[in-house]
Amino acid sequence: VGERIRKGVEEQDFSVGTHEALNLSISIGAAQFKSGEALEAFVKRTDDALYVAKQKGKNRVCSA
């Protein structure tokens, strides 16, 4: 799902009223909630995955 979202944003032309192309990209961190896991730990793992995606060159999906 994250990869489909990333690709959809990458392929979208966000130009509005201009002759210049405006393209965006996103980085996504994803994690599956573990049974009994504290919410704070889940959010931290997801956030850590996002920063891994950014460190690896952005415009990608990384999972925890």
PDB file of N, CA and C in Angstrom:
ATOM      1  N   VAL A   1       0.833  -1.189   0.000  1.00  0.00           N
ATOM      2  CA  VAL A   1       0.000   0.000   0.000  1.00  0.00           C
ATOM      3  C   VAL A   1       0.876   1.251   0.000  1.00  0.00           C
ATOM      4  N   GLY A   2       1.895   1.255   0.834  1.00  0.00           N
ATOM      5  CA  GLY A   2       2.793   2.406   0.887  1.00  0.00           C
ATOM      6  C   GLY A   2       3.468   2.672  -0.442  1.00  0.00           C
ATOM      7  N   GLU A   3       3.869   1.619  -1.126  1.00  0.00           N
ATOM      8  CA  GLU A   3       4.525   1.777  -2.423  1.00  0.00           C
ATOM      9  C   GLU A   3       3.549   2.316  -3.467  1.00  0.00           C
ATOM     10  N   ARG A   4       2.308   1.884  -3.432  1.00  0.00           N
ATOM     11  CA  ARG A   4       1.310   2.423  -4.370  1.00  0.00           C
ATOM     12  C   ARG A   4       1.081   3.915  -4.125  1.00  0.00           C
ATOM     13  N   ILE A   5       1.018   4.315  -2.867  1.00  0.00           N
ATOM     14  CA  ILE A   5       0.853   5.732  -2.536  1.00  0.00           C
ATOM     15  C   ILE A   5       2.067   6.525  -3.010  1.00  0.00           C
ATOM     16  N   ARG A   6       3.258   6.015  -2.715  1.00  0.00           N
ATOM     17  CA  ARG A   6       4.495   6.698  -3.121  1.00  0.00           C
ATOM     18  C   ARG A   6       4.539   6.887  -4.630  1.00  0.00           C
ATOM     19  N   LYS A   7       4.244   5.821  -5.354  1.00  0.00           N
ATOM     20  CA  LYS A   7       4.289   5.883  -6.808  1.00  0.00           C
ATOM     21  C   LYS A   7       3.218   6.826  -7.354  1.00  0.00           C
ATOM     22  N   GLY A   8       2.032   6.813  -6.771  1.00  0.00           N
ATOM     23  CA  GLY A   8       0.963   7.700  -7.202  1.00  0.00           C
ATOM     24  C   GLY A   8       1.325   9.165  -7.040  1.00  0.00           C
ATOM     25  N   VAL A   9       1.960   9.501  -5.918  1.00  0.00           N
ATOM     26  CA  VAL A   9       2.401  10.884  -5.699  1.00  0.00           C
ATOM     27  C   VAL A   9       3.493  11.243  -6.691  1.00  0.00           C
ATOM     28  N   GLU A  10       4.431  10.340  -6.899  1.00  0.00           N
ATOM     29  CA  GLU A  10       5.543  10.590  -7.823  1.00  0.00           C
ATOM     30  C   GLU A  10       5.047  10.839  -9.247  1.00  0.00           C
ATOM     31  N   GLU A  11       4.002  10.138  -9.677  1.00  0.00           N
ATOM     32  CA  GLU A  11       3.498  10.250 -11.047  1.00  0.00           C
ATOM     33  C   GLU A  11       2.541  11.419 -11.238  1.00  0.00           C
ATOM     34  N   GLN A  12       2.059  11.996 -10.161  1.00  0.00           N
ATOM     35  CA  GLN A  12       1.094  13.093 -10.239  1.00  0.00           C
ATOM     36  C   GLN A  12       1.775  14.398 -10.635  1.00  0.00           C
ATOM     37  N   ASP A  13       1.145  15.140 -11.531  1.00  0.00           N
ATOM     38  CA  ASP A  13       1.631  16.464 -11.912  1.00  0.00           C
ATOM     39  C   ASP A  13       0.894  17.480 -11.048  1.00  0.00           C
ATOM     40  N   PHE A  14       1.606  18.155 -10.183  1.00  0.00           N
ATOM     41  CA  PHE A  14       1.005  19.108  -9.258  1.00  0.00           C
ATOM     42  C   PHE A  14       1.042  20.544  -9.781  1.00  0.00           C
ATOM     43  N   SER A  15       1.360  20.712 -11.067  1.00  0.00           N
ATOM     44  CA  SER A  15       1.406  22.045 -11.674  1.00  0.00           C
ATOM     45  C   SER A  15      -0.005  22.620 -11.725  1.00  0.00           C
ATOM     46  N   VAL A  16      -0.149  23.833 -11.251  1.00  0.00           N
ATOM     47  CA  VAL A  16      -1.445  24.516 -11.294  1.00  0.00           C
ATOM     48  C   VAL A  16      -1.205  25.925 -11.829  1.00  0.00           C
ATOM     49  N   GLY A  17      -1.743  26.200 -13.002  1.00  0.00           N
ATOM     50  CA  GLY A  17      -1.635  27.542 -13.559  1.00  0.00           C
ATOM     51  C   GLY A  17      -0.229  27.970 -13.893  1.00  0.00           C
ATOM     52  N   THR A  18       0.645  27.052 -14.161  1.00  0.00           N
ATOM     53  CA  THR A  18       2.017  27.386 -14.519  1.00  0.00           C
ATOM     54  C   THR A  18       2.469  26.487 -15.659  1.00  0.00           C
ATOM     55  N   HIS A  19       3.468  26.913 -16.367  1.00  0.00           N
ATOM     56  CA  HIS A  19       3.975  26.122 -17.483  1.00  0.00           C
ATOM     57  C   HIS A  19       5.139  25.236 -17.049  1.00  0.00           C
ATOM     58  N   GLU A  20       5.512  25.338 -15.794  1.00  0.00           N
ATOM     59  CA  GLU A  20       6.606  24.514 -15.286  1.00  0.00           C
ATOM     60  C   GLU A  20       6.044  23.289 -14.579  1.00  0.00           C
ATOM     61  N   ALA A  21       6.674  22.159 -14.801  1.00  0.00           N
ATOM     62  CA  ALA A  21       6.253  20.930 -14.145  1.00  0.00           C
ATOM     63  C   ALA A  21       6.591  20.993 -12.657  1.00  0.00           C
ATOM     64  N   LEU A  22       5.662  20.593 -11.851  1.00  0.00           N
ATOM     65  CA  LEU A  22       5.879  20.529 -10.412  1.00  0.00           C
ATOM     66  C   LEU A  22       5.573  19.112  -9.965  1.00  0.00           C
ATOM     67  N   ASN A  23       6.613  18.367  -9.657  1.00  0.00           N
ATOM     68  CA  ASN A  23       6.472  16.990  -9.221  1.00  0.00           C
ATOM     69  C   ASN A  23       6.970  16.864  -7.792  1.00  0.00           C
ATOM     70  N   LEU A  24       6.303  16.042  -7.024  1.00  0.00           N
ATOM     71  CA  LEU A  24       6.664  15.812  -5.631  1.00  0.00           C
ATOM     72  C   LEU A  24       7.011  14.356  -5.422  1.00  0.00           C
ATOM     73  N   SER A  25       7.712  14.095  -4.351  1.00  0.00           N
ATOM     74  CA  SER A  25       7.968  12.719  -3.938  1.00  0.00           C
ATOM     75  C   SER A  25       7.765  12.649  -2.426  1.00  0.00           C
ATOM     76  N   ILE A  26       7.567  11.445  -1.944  1.00  0.00           N
ATOM     77  CA  ILE A  26       7.370  11.255  -0.510  1.00  0.00           C
ATOM     78  C   ILE A  26       8.188  10.068  -0.017  1.00  0.00           C
ATOM     79  N   SER A  27       8.490  10.101   1.252  1.00  0.00           N
ATOM     80  CA  SER A  27       9.102   8.971   1.933  1.00  0.00           C
ATOM     81  C   SER A  27       8.091   8.478   2.959  1.00  0.00           C
ATOM     82  N   ILE A  28       8.005   7.155   3.102  1.00  0.00           N
ATOM     83  CA  ILE A  28       7.022   6.557   4.005  1.00  0.00           C
ATOM     84  C   ILE A  28       7.720   5.574   4.935  1.00  0.00           C
ATOM     85  N   GLY A  29       7.396   5.677   6.207  1.00  0.00           N
ATOM     86  CA  GLY A  29       7.822   4.691   7.192  1.00  0.00           C
ATOM     87  C   GLY A  29       6.593   3.907   7.624  1.00  0.00           C
ATOM     88  N   ALA A  30       6.693   2.589   7.586  1.00  0.00           N
ATOM     89  CA  ALA A  30       5.541   1.748   7.920  1.00  0.00           C
ATOM     90  C   ALA A  30       5.930   0.698   8.948  1.00  0.00           C
ATOM     91  N   ALA A  31       4.979   0.353   9.783  1.00  0.00           N
ATOM     92  CA  ALA A  31       5.196  -0.691  10.778  1.00  0.00           C
ATOM     93  C   ALA A  31       3.863  -1.356  11.089  1.00  0.00           C
ATOM     94  N   GLN A  32       3.925  -2.610  11.452  1.00  0.00           N
ATOM     95  CA  GLN A  32       2.727  -3.329  11.872  1.00  0.00           C
ATOM     96  C   GLN A  32       2.679  -3.313  13.392  1.00  0.00           C
ATOM     97  N   PHE A  33       1.515  -2.952  13.930  1.00  0.00           N
ATOM     98  CA  PHE A  33       1.342  -2.899  15.373  1.00  0.00           C
ATOM     99  C   PHE A  33       1.432  -4.314  15.939  1.00  0.00           C
ATOM    100  N   LYS A  34       2.272  -4.483  16.947  1.00  0.00           N
ATOM    101  CA  LYS A  34       2.449  -5.784  17.591  1.00  0.00           C
ATOM    102  C   LYS A  34       1.508  -5.901  18.782  1.00  0.00           C
ATOM    103  N   SER A  35       0.909  -7.035  18.934  1.00  0.00           N
ATOM    104  CA  SER A  35      -0.009  -7.264  20.044  1.00  0.00           C
ATOM    105  C   SER A  35       0.686  -6.967  21.375  1.00  0.00           C
ATOM    106  N   GLY A  36       0.071  -6.132  22.187  1.00  0.00           N
ATOM    107  CA  GLY A  36       0.619  -5.799  23.493  1.00  0.00           C
ATOM    108  C   GLY A  36       1.668  -4.699  23.469  1.00  0.00           C
ATOM    109  N   GLU A  37       1.993  -4.192  22.289  1.00  0.00           N
ATOM    110  CA  GLU A  37       3.015  -3.154  22.161  1.00  0.00           C
ATOM    111  C   GLU A  37       2.469  -1.814  22.655  1.00  0.00           C
ATOM    112  N   ALA A  38       3.301  -1.072  23.338  1.00  0.00           N
ATOM    113  CA  ALA A  38       2.917   0.271  23.771  1.00  0.00           C
ATOM    114  C   ALA A  38       2.805   1.171  22.541  1.00  0.00           C
ATOM    115  N   LEU A  39       1.829   2.045  22.537  1.00  0.00           N
ATOM    116  CA  LEU A  39       1.614   2.938  21.409  1.00  0.00           C
ATOM    117  C   LEU A  39       2.864   3.766  21.117  1.00  0.00           C
ATOM    118  N   GLU A  40       3.527   4.237  22.157  1.00  0.00           N
ATOM    119  CA  GLU A  40       4.726   5.047  21.962  1.00  0.00           C
ATOM    120  C   GLU A  40       5.821   4.256  21.245  1.00  0.00           C
ATOM    121  N   ALA A  41       5.968   2.975  21.566  1.00  0.00           N
ATOM    122  CA  ALA A  41       6.976   2.134  20.918  1.00  0.00           C
ATOM    123  C   ALA A  41       6.632   1.921  19.446  1.00  0.00           C
ATOM    124  N   PHE A  42       5.349   1.732  19.162  1.00  0.00           N
ATOM    125  CA  PHE A  42       4.895   1.561  17.784  1.00  0.00           C
ATOM    126  C   PHE A  42       5.178   2.812  16.951  1.00  0.00           C
ATOM    127  N   VAL A  43       4.835   3.967  17.504  1.00  0.00           N
ATOM    128  CA  VAL A  43       5.064   5.226  16.790  1.00  0.00           C
ATOM    129  C   VAL A  43       6.556   5.442  16.573  1.00  0.00           C
ATOM    130  N   LYS A  44       7.384   5.129  17.555  1.00  0.00           N
ATOM    131  CA  LYS A  44       8.839   5.293  17.415  1.00  0.00           C
ATOM    132  C   LYS A  44       9.387   4.389  16.321  1.00  0.00           C
ATOM    133  N   ARG A  45       8.941   3.139  16.274  1.00  0.00           N
ATOM    134  CA  ARG A  45       9.422   2.228  15.220  1.00  0.00           C
ATOM    135  C   ARG A  45       9.031   2.738  13.833  1.00  0.00           C
ATOM    136  N   THR A  46       7.811   3.242  13.725  1.00  0.00           N
ATOM    137  CA  THR A  46       7.343   3.779  12.452  1.00  0.00           C
ATOM    138  C   THR A  46       8.141   5.019  12.062  1.00  0.00           C
ATOM    139  N   ASP A  47       8.365   5.896  13.011  1.00  0.00           N
ATOM    140  CA  ASP A  47       9.140   7.115  12.766  1.00  0.00           C
ATOM    141  C   ASP A  47      10.577   6.770  12.389  1.00  0.00           C
ATOM    142  N   ASP A  48      11.158   5.787  13.066  1.00  0.00           N
ATOM    143  CA  ASP A  48      12.519   5.352  12.732  1.00  0.00           C
ATOM    144  C   ASP A  48      12.584   4.841  11.289  1.00  0.00           C
ATOM    145  N   ALA A  49      11.561   4.105  10.860  1.00  0.00           N
ATOM    146  CA  ALA A  49      11.519   3.602   9.485  1.00  0.00           C
ATOM    147  C   ALA A  49      11.447   4.759   8.496  1.00  0.00           C
ATOM    148  N   LEU A  50      10.708   5.809   8.830  1.00  0.00           N
ATOM    149  CA  LEU A  50      10.629   6.989   7.976  1.00  0.00           C
ATOM    150  C   LEU A  50      12.007   7.624   7.814  1.00  0.00           C
ATOM    151  N   TYR A  51      12.748   7.757   8.894  1.00  0.00           N
ATOM    152  CA  TYR A  51      14.073   8.368   8.809  1.00  0.00           C
ATOM    153  C   TYR A  51      15.057   7.493   8.045  1.00  0.00           C
ATOM    154  N   VAL A  52      14.893   6.178   8.106  1.00  0.00           N
ATOM    155  CA  VAL A  52      15.721   5.284   7.295  1.00  0.00           C
ATOM    156  C   VAL A  52      15.440   5.551   5.816  1.00  0.00           C
ATOM    157  N   ALA A  53      14.155   5.693   5.475  1.00  0.00           N
ATOM    158  CA  ALA A  53      13.783   5.988   4.079  1.00  0.00           C
ATOM    159  C   ALA A  53      14.426   7.286   3.608  1.00  0.00           C
ATOM    160  N   LYS A  54      14.404   8.294   4.441  1.00  0.00           N
ATOM    161  CA  LYS A  54      15.010   9.580   4.072  1.00  0.00           C
ATOM    162  C   LYS A  54      16.523   9.457   3.933  1.00  0.00           C
ATOM    163  N   GLN A  55      17.156   8.722   4.833  1.00  0.00           N
ATOM    164  CA  GLN A  55      18.609   8.575   4.793  1.00  0.00           C
ATOM    165  C   GLN A  55      19.073   7.780   3.576  1.00  0.00           C
ATOM    166  N   LYS A  56      18.214   6.899   3.068  1.00  0.00           N
ATOM    167  CA  LYS A  56      18.580   6.067   1.922  1.00  0.00           C
ATOM    168  C   LYS A  56      18.352   6.788   0.602  1.00  0.00           C
ATOM    169  N   GLY A  57      17.967   8.042   0.651  1.00  0.00           N
ATOM    170  CA  GLY A  57      17.833   8.810  -0.579  1.00  0.00           C
ATOM    171  C   GLY A  57      16.440   9.325  -0.854  1.00  0.00           C
ATOM    172  N   LYS A  58      15.555   9.233   0.058  1.00  0.00           N
ATOM    173  CA  LYS A  58      14.182   9.753  -0.058  1.00  0.00           C
ATOM    174  C   LYS A  58      13.403   9.038  -1.150  1.00  0.00           C
ATOM    175  N   ASN A  59      12.128   9.402  -1.256  1.00  0.00           N
ATOM    176  CA  ASN A  59      11.211   8.850  -2.256  1.00  0.00           C
ATOM    177  C   ASN A  59      11.193   7.321  -2.225  1.00  0.00           C
ATOM    178  N   ARG A  60      10.973   6.785  -1.036  1.00  0.00           N
ATOM    179  CA  ARG A  60      10.923   5.330  -0.879  1.00  0.00           C
ATOM    180  C   ARG A  60      10.083   4.964   0.336  1.00  0.00           C
ATOM    181  N   VAL A  61       9.791   3.671   0.441  1.00  0.00           N
ATOM    182  CA  VAL A  61       9.038   3.139   1.571  1.00  0.00           C
ATOM    183  C   VAL A  61       9.965   2.197   2.331  1.00  0.00           C
ATOM    184  N   CYS A  62      10.055   2.380   3.646  1.00  0.00           N
ATOM    185  CA  CYS A  62      10.822   1.463   4.491  1.00  0.00           C
ATOM    186  C   CYS A  62       9.917   0.988   5.610  1.00  0.00           C
ATOM    187  N   SER A  63      10.064  -0.267   5.967  1.00  0.00           N
ATOM    188  CA  SER A  63       9.242  -0.823   7.038  1.00  0.00           C
ATOM    189  C   SER A  63      10.084  -1.195   8.236  1.00  0.00           C
ATOM    190  N   ALA A  64       9.419  -1.183   9.373  1.00  0.00           N
ATOM    191  CA  ALA A  64      10.091  -1.512  10.637  1.00  0.00           C
ATOM    192  C   ALA A  64       9.804  -2.949  11.008  1.00  0.00           C
TER     193      ALA A  64
END
